[in-house]
Amino acid sequence: SQTNTHLNEQENILRLISDPCTRKIIDSIHEESKSAIEISRKLGIDLCSIYRRLHKLQKHDMVKTTFQITSGKKSFYYKSKLRSIVANYHHGRFDVDLDFN
């Protein structure tokens, strides 16, 4: 049902933003766009973990992805679209509100 789909989506978002690594990534790309390699180097987190979380953030439309082509090589850059996240708990259910820039 649509309600279960919405609840699963809310749970997935809550799980994602509860992850300390994901929050570090969001903080890292809040002010300016960075490549996954830049994020990895700045945070000292392995590239696979960065890409995995960026993919989840993209799936929930929380990051803006752009690319540049330099010397025939395509580089992707990521920037957080989030302004704030509010989670409410009521009668056993979470509701997550994302506020975008």
PDB file of N, CA and C in Angstrom:
ATOM      1  N   SER A   1       0.833  -1.192   0.000  1.00  0.00           N
ATOM      2  CA  SER A   1       0.000   0.000   0.000  1.00  0.00           C
ATOM      3  C   SER A   1       0.876   1.254   0.000  1.00  0.00           C
ATOM      4  N   GLN A   2       0.264   2.356  -0.348  1.00  0.00           N
ATOM      5  CA  GLN A   2       0.991   3.621  -0.432  1.00  0.00           C
ATOM      6  C   GLN A   2       1.485   4.066   0.951  1.00  0.00           C
ATOM      7  N   THR A   3       0.689   3.817   1.989  1.00  0.00           N
ATOM      8  CA  THR A   3       1.070   4.188   3.348  1.00  0.00           C
ATOM      9  C   THR A   3       2.320   3.416   3.774  1.00  0.00           C
ATOM     10  N   ASN A   4       2.364   2.097   3.495  1.00  0.00           N
ATOM     11  CA  ASN A   4       3.543   1.298   3.834  1.00  0.00           C
ATOM     12  C   ASN A   4       4.765   1.756   3.061  1.00  0.00           C
ATOM     13  N   THR A   5       4.586   2.122   1.805  1.00  0.00           N
ATOM     14  CA  THR A   5       5.693   2.624   1.001  1.00  0.00           C
ATOM     15  C   THR A   5       6.231   3.907   1.607  1.00  0.00           C
ATOM     16  N   HIS A   6       5.335   4.801   2.020  1.00  0.00           N
ATOM     17  CA  HIS A   6       5.737   6.062   2.651  1.00  0.00           C
ATOM     18  C   HIS A   6       6.478   5.801   3.953  1.00  0.00           C
ATOM     19  N   LEU A   7       5.965   4.859   4.771  1.00  0.00           N
ATOM     20  CA  LEU A   7       6.603   4.532   6.041  1.00  0.00           C
ATOM     21  C   LEU A   7       7.984   3.935   5.821  1.00  0.00           C
ATOM     22  N   ASN A   8       8.118   3.048   4.823  1.00  0.00           N
ATOM     23  CA  ASN A   8       9.420   2.469   4.504  1.00  0.00           C
ATOM     24  C   ASN A   8      10.396   3.550   4.060  1.00  0.00           C
ATOM     25  N   GLU A   9       9.919   4.488   3.251  1.00  0.00           N
ATOM     26  CA  GLU A   9      10.736   5.606   2.784  1.00  0.00           C
ATOM     27  C   GLU A   9      11.215   6.443   3.970  1.00  0.00           C
ATOM     28  N   GLN A  10      10.300   6.738   4.898  1.00  0.00           N
ATOM     29  CA  GLN A  10      10.633   7.508   6.091  1.00  0.00           C
ATOM     30  C   GLN A  10      11.687   6.767   6.931  1.00  0.00           C
ATOM     31  N   GLU A  11      11.505   5.458   7.099  1.00  0.00           N
ATOM     32  CA  GLU A  11      12.463   4.635   7.850  1.00  0.00           C
ATOM     33  C   GLU A  11      13.834   4.652   7.181  1.00  0.00           C
ATOM     34  N   ASN A  12      13.868   4.539   5.856  1.00  0.00           N
ATOM     35  CA  ASN A  12      15.131   4.549   5.122  1.00  0.00           C
ATOM     36  C   ASN A  12      15.855   5.887   5.277  1.00  0.00           C
ATOM     37  N   ILE A  13      15.109   6.977   5.214  1.00  0.00           N
ATOM     38  CA  ILE A  13      15.698   8.314   5.383  1.00  0.00           C
ATOM     39  C   ILE A  13      16.227   8.458   6.803  1.00  0.00           C
ATOM     40  N   LEU A  14      15.446   8.020   7.785  1.00  0.00           N
ATOM     41  CA  LEU A  14      15.862   8.114   9.180  1.00  0.00           C
ATOM     42  C   LEU A  14      17.131   7.298   9.425  1.00  0.00           C
ATOM     43  N   ARG A  15      17.174   6.096   8.868  1.00  0.00           N
ATOM     44  CA  ARG A  15      18.354   5.232   9.002  1.00  0.00           C
ATOM     45  C   ARG A  15      19.573   5.901   8.363  1.00  0.00           C
ATOM     46  N   LEU A  16      19.367   6.490   7.191  1.00  0.00           N
ATOM     47  CA  LEU A  16      20.455   7.145   6.466  1.00  0.00           C
ATOM     48  C   LEU A  16      21.028   8.322   7.248  1.00  0.00           C
ATOM     49  N   ILE A  17      20.155   9.193   7.747  1.00  0.00           N
ATOM     50  CA  ILE A  17      20.634  10.393   8.445  1.00  0.00           C
ATOM     51  C   ILE A  17      21.100  10.089   9.871  1.00  0.00           C
ATOM     52  N   SER A  18      20.786   8.897  10.372  1.00  0.00           N
ATOM     53  CA  SER A  18      21.270   8.489  11.691  1.00  0.00           C
ATOM     54  C   SER A  18      22.720   8.017  11.629  1.00  0.00           C
ATOM     55  N   ASP A  19      23.198   7.739  10.432  1.00  0.00           N
ATOM     56  CA  ASP A  19      24.555   7.230  10.239  1.00  0.00           C
ATOM     57  C   ASP A  19      25.571   8.372  10.371  1.00  0.00           C
ATOM     58  N   PRO A  20      26.516   8.273  11.324  1.00  0.00           N
ATOM     59  CA  PRO A  20      27.506   9.343  11.526  1.00  0.00           C
ATOM     60  C   PRO A  20      28.322   9.663  10.266  1.00  0.00           C
ATOM     61  N   CYS A  21      28.660   8.646   9.496  1.00  0.00           N
ATOM     62  CA  CYS A  21      29.430   8.860   8.263  1.00  0.00           C
ATOM     63  C   CYS A  21      28.635   9.707   7.268  1.00  0.00           C
ATOM     64  N   THR A  22      27.355   9.406   7.125  1.00  0.00           N
ATOM     65  CA  THR A  22      26.491  10.177   6.222  1.00  0.00           C
ATOM     66  C   THR A  22      26.409  11.630   6.668  1.00  0.00           C
ATOM     67  N   ARG A  23      26.279  11.851   7.965  1.00  0.00           N
ATOM     68  CA  ARG A  23      26.203  13.230   8.470  1.00  0.00           C
ATOM     69  C   ARG A  23      27.494  13.986   8.212  1.00  0.00           C
ATOM     70  N   LYS A  24      28.636  13.314   8.335  1.00  0.00           N
ATOM     71  CA  LYS A  24      29.924  13.958   8.025  1.00  0.00           C
ATOM     72  C   LYS A  24      29.981  14.351   6.553  1.00  0.00           C
ATOM     73  N   ILE A  25      29.485  13.481   5.688  1.00  0.00           N
ATOM     74  CA  ILE A  25      29.466  13.773   4.254  1.00  0.00           C
ATOM     75  C   ILE A  25      28.577  14.980   3.981  1.00  0.00           C
ATOM     76  N   ILE A  26      27.380  14.991   4.555  1.00  0.00           N
ATOM     77  CA  ILE A  26      26.454  16.117   4.368  1.00  0.00           C
ATOM     78  C   ILE A  26      27.106  17.424   4.824  1.00  0.00           C
ATOM     79  N   ASP A  27      27.746  17.398   6.002  1.00  0.00           N
ATOM     80  CA  ASP A  27      28.442  18.592   6.499  1.00  0.00           C
ATOM     81  C   ASP A  27      29.544  19.030   5.545  1.00  0.00           C
ATOM     82  N   SER A  28      30.258  18.064   5.004  1.00  0.00           N
ATOM     83  CA  SER A  28      31.392  18.340   4.126  1.00  0.00           C
ATOM     84  C   SER A  28      30.972  19.015   2.813  1.00  0.00           C
ATOM     85  N   ILE A  29      29.769  18.712   2.347  1.00  0.00           N
ATOM     86  CA  ILE A  29      29.316  19.255   1.054  1.00  0.00           C
ATOM     87  C   ILE A  29      28.171  20.255   1.219  1.00  0.00           C
ATOM     88  N   HIS A  30      28.056  20.790   2.422  1.00  0.00           N
ATOM     89  CA  HIS A  30      26.985  21.752   2.679  1.00  0.00           C
ATOM     90  C   HIS A  30      27.273  23.110   2.033  1.00  0.00           C
ATOM     91  N   GLU A  31      28.500  23.584   2.157  1.00  0.00           N
ATOM     92  CA  GLU A  31      28.867  24.913   1.654  1.00  0.00           C
ATOM     93  C   GLU A  31      29.274  24.908   0.185  1.00  0.00           C
ATOM     94  N   GLU A  32      30.019  23.862  -0.222  1.00  0.00           N
ATOM     95  CA  GLU A  32      30.524  23.829  -1.593  1.00  0.00           C
ATOM     96  C   GLU A  32      30.525  22.416  -2.150  1.00  0.00           C
ATOM     97  N   SER A  33      30.464  22.319  -3.477  1.00  0.00           N
ATOM     98  CA  SER A  33      30.499  21.031  -4.160  1.00  0.00           C
ATOM     99  C   SER A  33      31.883  20.418  -4.041  1.00  0.00           C
ATOM    100  N   LYS A  34      31.898  19.096  -3.883  1.00  0.00           N
ATOM    101  CA  LYS A  34      33.168  18.373  -3.826  1.00  0.00           C
ATOM    102  C   LYS A  34      33.015  17.057  -4.582  1.00  0.00           C
ATOM    103  N   SER A  35      34.131  16.551  -5.077  1.00  0.00           N
ATOM    104  CA  SER A  35      34.124  15.225  -5.687  1.00  0.00           C
ATOM    105  C   SER A  35      34.175  14.185  -4.573  1.00  0.00           C
ATOM    106  N   ALA A  36      33.843  12.947  -4.904  1.00  0.00           N
ATOM    107  CA  ALA A  36      33.892  11.865  -3.915  1.00  0.00           C
ATOM    108  C   ALA A  36      35.311  11.705  -3.376  1.00  0.00           C
ATOM    109  N   ILE A  37      36.312  11.875  -4.240  1.00  0.00           N
ATOM    110  CA  ILE A  37      37.711  11.753  -3.817  1.00  0.00           C
ATOM    111  C   ILE A  37      38.065  12.856  -2.823  1.00  0.00           C
ATOM    112  N   GLU A  38      37.610  14.087  -3.087  1.00  0.00           N
ATOM    113  CA  GLU A  38      37.856  15.198  -2.157  1.00  0.00           C
ATOM    114  C   GLU A  38      37.195  14.927  -0.800  1.00  0.00           C
ATOM    115  N   ILE A  39      35.965  14.435  -0.836  1.00  0.00           N
ATOM    116  CA  ILE A  39      35.238  14.124   0.400  1.00  0.00           C
ATOM    117  C   ILE A  39      36.000  13.039   1.177  1.00  0.00           C
ATOM    118  N   SER A  40      36.408  11.994   0.468  1.00  0.00           N
ATOM    119  CA  SER A  40      37.133  10.881   1.071  1.00  0.00           C
ATOM    120  C   SER A  40      38.420  11.354   1.741  1.00  0.00           C
ATOM    121  N   ARG A  41      39.183  12.160   1.036  1.00  0.00           N
ATOM    122  CA  ARG A  41      40.452  12.669   1.590  1.00  0.00           C
ATOM    123  C   ARG A  41      40.211  13.575   2.787  1.00  0.00           C
ATOM    124  N   LYS A  42      39.234  14.478   2.661  1.00  0.00           N
ATOM    125  CA  LYS A  42      38.970  15.432   3.746  1.00  0.00           C
ATOM    126  C   LYS A  42      38.505  14.719   5.020  1.00  0.00           C
ATOM    127  N   LEU A  43      37.672  13.695   4.856  1.00  0.00           N
ATOM    128  CA  LEU A  43      37.091  13.025   6.018  1.00  0.00           C
ATOM    129  C   LEU A  43      37.883  11.803   6.481  1.00  0.00           C
ATOM    130  N   GLY A  44      38.810  11.336   5.642  1.00  0.00           N
ATOM    131  CA  GLY A  44      39.560  10.130   5.993  1.00  0.00           C
ATOM    132  C   GLY A  44      38.690   8.884   5.994  1.00  0.00           C
ATOM    133  N   ILE A  45      37.709   8.872   5.098  1.00  0.00           N
ATOM    134  CA  ILE A  45      36.782   7.738   4.973  1.00  0.00           C
ATOM    135  C   ILE A  45      37.011   7.099   3.605  1.00  0.00           C
ATOM    136  N   ASP A  46      37.026   5.759   3.564  1.00  0.00           N
ATOM    137  CA  ASP A  46      37.321   5.084   2.296  1.00  0.00           C
ATOM    138  C   ASP A  46      36.300   5.443   1.214  1.00  0.00           C
ATOM    139  N   LEU A  47      36.795   5.455  -0.017  1.00  0.00           N
ATOM    140  CA  LEU A  47      36.013   5.898  -1.175  1.00  0.00           C
ATOM    141  C   LEU A  47      34.740   5.076  -1.383  1.00  0.00           C
ATOM    142  N   CYS A  48      34.817   3.755  -1.155  1.00  0.00           N
ATOM    143  CA  CYS A  48      33.621   2.902  -1.318  1.00  0.00           C
ATOM    144  C   CYS A  48      32.493   3.348  -0.388  1.00  0.00           C
ATOM    145  N   SER A  49      32.843   3.661   0.860  1.00  0.00           N
ATOM    146  CA  SER A  49      31.838   4.115   1.826  1.00  0.00           C
ATOM    147  C   SER A  49      31.237   5.446   1.399  1.00  0.00           C
ATOM    148  N   ILE A  50      32.081   6.329   0.857  1.00  0.00           N
ATOM    149  CA  ILE A  50      31.606   7.633   0.379  1.00  0.00           C
ATOM    150  C   ILE A  50      30.617   7.429  -0.764  1.00  0.00           C
ATOM    151  N   TYR A  51      31.000   6.639  -1.776  1.00  0.00           N
ATOM    152  CA  TYR A  51      30.118   6.413  -2.928  1.00  0.00           C
ATOM    153  C   TYR A  51      28.810   5.751  -2.516  1.00  0.00           C
ATOM    154  N   ARG A  52      28.873   4.791  -1.597  1.00  0.00           N
ATOM    155  CA  ARG A  52      27.666   4.084  -1.154  1.00  0.00           C
ATOM    156  C   ARG A  52      26.670   5.069  -0.536  1.00  0.00           C
ATOM    157  N   ARG A  53      27.181   5.954   0.312  1.00  0.00           N
ATOM    158  CA  ARG A  53      26.297   6.919   0.965  1.00  0.00           C
ATOM    159  C   ARG A  53      25.840   8.012   0.011  1.00  0.00           C
ATOM    160  N   LEU A  54      26.724   8.459  -0.875  1.00  0.00           N
ATOM    161  CA  LEU A  54      26.310   9.453  -1.878  1.00  0.00           C
ATOM    162  C   LEU A  54      25.180   8.898  -2.738  1.00  0.00           C
ATOM    163  N   HIS A  55      25.281   7.624  -3.097  1.00  0.00           N
ATOM    164  CA  HIS A  55      24.238   6.989  -3.905  1.00  0.00           C
ATOM    165  C   HIS A  55      22.896   7.016  -3.158  1.00  0.00           C
ATOM    166  N   LYS A  56      22.927   6.705  -1.860  1.00  0.00           N
ATOM    167  CA  LYS A  56      21.691   6.738  -1.063  1.00  0.00           C
ATOM    168  C   LYS A  56      21.154   8.167  -0.935  1.00  0.00           C
ATOM    169  N   LEU A  57      22.049   9.122  -0.746  1.00  0.00           N
ATOM    170  CA  LEU A  57      21.630  10.527  -0.664  1.00  0.00           C
ATOM    171  C   LEU A  57      21.011  10.977  -1.983  1.00  0.00           C
ATOM    172  N   GLN A  58      21.578  10.531  -3.108  1.00  0.00           N
ATOM    173  CA  GLN A  58      21.021  10.859  -4.427  1.00  0.00           C
ATOM    174  C   GLN A  58      19.635  10.240  -4.593  1.00  0.00           C
ATOM    175  N   LYS A  59      19.501   8.995  -4.157  1.00  0.00           N
ATOM    176  CA  LYS A  59      18.225   8.274  -4.269  1.00  0.00           C
ATOM    177  C   LYS A  59      17.103   9.039  -3.568  1.00  0.00           C
ATOM    178  N   HIS A  60      17.426   9.710  -2.465  1.00  0.00           N
ATOM    179  CA  HIS A  60      16.437  10.481  -1.710  1.00  0.00           C
ATOM    180  C   HIS A  60      16.481  11.962  -2.076  1.00  0.00           C
ATOM    181  N   ASP A  61      17.173  12.285  -3.158  1.00  0.00           N
ATOM    182  CA  ASP A  61      17.241  13.646  -3.707  1.00  0.00           C
ATOM    183  C   ASP A  61      17.790  14.673  -2.701  1.00  0.00           C
ATOM    184  N   MET A  62      18.758  14.239  -1.887  1.00  0.00           N
ATOM    185  CA  MET A  62      19.328  15.121  -0.867  1.00  0.00           C
ATOM    186  C   MET A  62      20.610  15.811  -1.335  1.00  0.00           C
ATOM    187  N   VAL A  63      21.136  15.387  -2.482  1.00  0.00           N
ATOM    188  CA  VAL A  63      22.328  16.031  -3.019  1.00  0.00           C
ATOM    189  C   VAL A  63      22.107  16.442  -4.468  1.00  0.00           C
ATOM    190  N   LYS A  64      22.780  17.517  -4.839  1.00  0.00           N
ATOM    191  CA  LYS A  64      22.780  17.961  -6.232  1.00  0.00           C
ATOM    192  C   LYS A  64      24.081  17.444  -6.841  1.00  0.00           C
ATOM    193  N   THR A  65      23.978  16.785  -7.983  1.00  0.00           N
ATOM    194  CA  THR A  65      25.147  16.229  -8.651  1.00  0.00           C
ATOM    195  C   THR A  65      25.388  16.989  -9.949  1.00  0.00           C
ATOM    196  N   THR A  66      26.611  17.460 -10.113  1.00  0.00           N
ATOM    197  CA  THR A  66      27.009  18.131 -11.359  1.00  0.00           C
ATOM    198  C   THR A  66      28.270  17.438 -11.854  1.00  0.00           C
ATOM    199  N   PHE A  67      28.659  17.735 -13.086  1.00  0.00           N
ATOM    200  CA  PHE A  67      29.905  17.153 -13.575  1.00  0.00           C
ATOM    201  C   PHE A  67      30.662  18.164 -14.422  1.00  0.00           C
ATOM    202  N   GLN A  68      31.973  17.945 -14.471  1.00  0.00           N
ATOM    203  CA  GLN A  68      32.859  18.749 -15.296  1.00  0.00           C
ATOM    204  C   GLN A  68      33.660  17.792 -16.150  1.00  0.00           C
ATOM    205  N   ILE A  69      33.947  18.213 -17.365  1.00  0.00           N
ATOM    206  CA  ILE A  69      34.817  17.418 -18.222  1.00  0.00           C
ATOM    207  C   ILE A  69      36.123  18.186 -18.382  1.00  0.00           C
ATOM    208  N   THR A  70      37.205  17.575 -17.897  1.00  0.00           N
ATOM    209  CA  THR A  70      38.534  18.172 -17.975  1.00  0.00           C
ATOM    210  C   THR A  70      39.459  17.173 -18.646  1.00  0.00           C
ATOM    211  N   SER A  71      40.105  17.596 -19.724  1.00  0.00           N
ATOM    212  CA  SER A  71      41.008  16.710 -20.479  1.00  0.00           C
ATOM    213  C   SER A  71      40.312  15.401 -20.852  1.00  0.00           C
ATOM    214  N   GLY A  72      39.048  15.499 -21.238  1.00  0.00           N
ATOM    215  CA  GLY A  72      38.286  14.329 -21.660  1.00  0.00           C
ATOM    216  C   GLY A  72      37.825  13.430 -20.523  1.00  0.00           C
ATOM    217  N   LYS A  73      38.103  13.811 -19.280  1.00  0.00           N
ATOM    218  CA  LYS A  73      37.712  13.006 -18.115  1.00  0.00           C
ATOM    219  C   LYS A  73      36.532  13.666 -17.410  1.00  0.00           C
ATOM    220  N   LYS A  74      35.492  12.870 -17.158  1.00  0.00           N
ATOM    221  CA  LYS A  74      34.294  13.380 -16.496  1.00  0.00           C
ATOM    222  C   LYS A  74      34.438  13.232 -14.983  1.00  0.00           C
ATOM    223  N   SER A  75      34.287  14.331 -14.259  1.00  0.00           N
ATOM    224  CA  SER A  75      34.344  14.311 -12.801  1.00  0.00           C
ATOM    225  C   SER A  75      33.005  14.772 -12.239  1.00  0.00           C
ATOM    226  N   PHE A  76      32.491  14.019 -11.267  1.00  0.00           N
ATOM    227  CA  PHE A  76      31.217  14.362 -10.636  1.00  0.00           C
ATOM    228  C   PHE A  76      31.461  15.107  -9.331  1.00  0.00           C
ATOM    229  N   TYR A  77      30.606  16.085  -9.078  1.00  0.00           N
ATOM    230  CA  TYR A  77      30.682  16.894  -7.858  1.00  0.00           C
ATOM    231  C   TYR A  77      29.339  16.851  -7.149  1.00  0.00           C
ATOM    232  N   TYR A  78      29.394  16.829  -5.836  1.00  0.00           N
ATOM    233  CA  TYR A  78      28.196  16.663  -5.023  1.00  0.00           C
ATOM    234  C   TYR A  78      28.056  17.825  -4.055  1.00  0.00           C
ATOM    235  N   LYS A  79      26.817  18.301  -3.911  1.00  0.00           N
ATOM    236  CA  LYS A  79      26.531  19.375  -2.965  1.00  0.00           C
ATOM    237  C   LYS A  79      25.215  19.049  -2.269  1.00  0.00           C
ATOM    238  N   SER A  80      25.205  19.240  -0.950  1.00  0.00           N
ATOM    239  CA  SER A  80      24.003  18.959  -0.176  1.00  0.00           C
ATOM    240  C   SER A  80      22.896  19.946  -0.549  1.00  0.00           C
ATOM    241  N   LYS A  81      21.685  19.423  -0.672  1.00  0.00           N
ATOM    242  CA  LYS A  81      20.515  20.271  -0.920  1.00  0.00           C
ATOM    243  C   LYS A  81      19.766  20.554   0.386  1.00  0.00           C
ATOM    244  N   LEU A  82      20.240  19.949   1.483  1.00  0.00           N
ATOM    245  CA  LEU A  82      19.517  20.029   2.750  1.00  0.00           C
ATOM    246  C   LEU A  82      19.796  21.317   3.513  1.00  0.00           C
ATOM    247  N   ARG A  83      18.760  21.916   4.007  1.00  0.00           N
ATOM    248  CA  ARG A  83      18.874  23.043   4.926  1.00  0.00           C
ATOM    249  C   ARG A  83      18.700  22.528   6.356  1.00  0.00           C
ATOM    250  N   SER A  84      17.676  21.693   6.545  1.00  0.00           N
ATOM    251  CA  SER A  84      17.452  21.111   7.867  1.00  0.00           C
ATOM    252  C   SER A  84      16.678  19.801   7.738  1.00  0.00           C
ATOM    253  N   ILE A  85      16.754  19.019   8.807  1.00  0.00           N
ATOM    254  CA  ILE A  85      16.039  17.749   8.903  1.00  0.00           C
ATOM    255  C   ILE A  85      15.325  17.733  10.246  1.00  0.00           C
ATOM    256  N   VAL A  86      14.024  17.454  10.218  1.00  0.00           N
ATOM    257  CA  VAL A  86      13.252  17.374  11.463  1.00  0.00           C
ATOM    258  C   VAL A  86      12.573  16.009  11.494  1.00  0.00           C
ATOM    259  N   ALA A  87      12.805  15.285  12.593  1.00  0.00           N
ATOM    260  CA  ALA A  87      12.161  13.978  12.769  1.00  0.00           C
ATOM    261  C   ALA A  87      11.213  14.064  13.955  1.00  0.00           C
ATOM    262  N   ASN A  88       9.979  13.636  13.746  1.00  0.00           N
ATOM    263  CA  ASN A  88       8.978  13.602  14.813  1.00  0.00           C
ATOM    264  C   ASN A  88       8.565  12.162  15.055  1.00  0.00           C
ATOM    265  N   TYR A  89       8.338  11.831  16.309  1.00  0.00           N
ATOM    266  CA  TYR A  89       7.897  10.497  16.685  1.00  0.00           C
ATOM    267  C   TYR A  89       6.532  10.618  17.338  1.00  0.00           C
ATOM    268  N   HIS A  90       5.555   9.877  16.795  1.00  0.00           N
ATOM    269  CA  HIS A  90       4.194   9.980  17.317  1.00  0.00           C
ATOM    270  C   HIS A  90       3.489   8.636  17.143  1.00  0.00           C
ATOM    271  N   HIS A  91       2.979   8.093  18.216  1.00  0.00           N
ATOM    272  CA  HIS A  91       2.252   6.813  18.186  1.00  0.00           C
ATOM    273  C   HIS A  91       3.030   5.709  17.463  1.00  0.00           C
ATOM    274  N   GLY A  92       4.305   5.592  17.812  1.00  0.00           N
ATOM    275  CA  GLY A  92       5.101   4.495  17.259  1.00  0.00           C
ATOM    276  C   GLY A  92       5.617   4.704  15.857  1.00  0.00           C
ATOM    277  N   ARG A  93       5.410   5.889  15.312  1.00  0.00           N
ATOM    278  CA  ARG A  93       5.854   6.143  13.934  1.00  0.00           C
ATOM    279  C   ARG A  93       6.677   7.419  13.866  1.00  0.00           C
ATOM    280  N   PHE A  94       7.699   7.366  13.027  1.00  0.00           N
ATOM    281  CA  PHE A  94       8.515   8.544  12.764  1.00  0.00           C
ATOM    282  C   PHE A  94       8.013   9.244  11.516  1.00  0.00           C
ATOM    283  N   ASP A  95       8.088  10.546  11.535  1.00  0.00           N
ATOM    284  CA  ASP A  95       7.824  11.342  10.343  1.00  0.00           C
ATOM    285  C   ASP A  95       9.044  12.236  10.158  1.00  0.00           C
ATOM    286  N   VAL A  96       9.643  12.189   8.988  1.00  0.00           N
ATOM    287  CA  VAL A  96      10.853  12.951   8.719  1.00  0.00           C
ATOM    288  C   VAL A  96      10.545  14.032   7.705  1.00  0.00           C
ATOM    289  N   ASP A  97      10.828  15.289   8.075  1.00  0.00           N
ATOM    290  CA  ASP A  97      10.647  16.416   7.168  1.00  0.00           C
ATOM    291  C   ASP A  97      12.011  16.934   6.745  1.00  0.00           C
ATOM    292  N   LEU A  98      12.232  16.953   5.439  1.00  0.00           N
ATOM    293  CA  LEU A  98      13.476  17.476   4.900  1.00  0.00           C
ATOM    294  C   LEU A  98      13.203  18.859   4.350  1.00  0.00           C
ATOM    295  N   ASP A  99      14.027  19.832   4.758  1.00  0.00           N
ATOM    296  CA  ASP A  99      13.903  21.209   4.267  1.00  0.00           C
ATOM    297  C   ASP A  99      15.093  21.451   3.336  1.00  0.00           C
ATOM    298  N   PHE A 100      14.790  21.776   2.091  1.00  0.00           N
ATOM    299  CA  PHE A 100      15.834  21.925   1.080  1.00  0.00           C
ATOM    300  C   PHE A 100      16.191  23.383   0.840  1.00  0.00           C
ATOM    301  N   ASN A 101      17.441  23.600   0.396  1.00  0.00           N
ATOM    302  CA  ASN A 101      17.916  24.954   0.024  1.00  0.00           C
ATOM    303  C   ASN A 101      17.184  25.424  -1.214  1.00  0.00           C
TER     304      ASN A 101
END
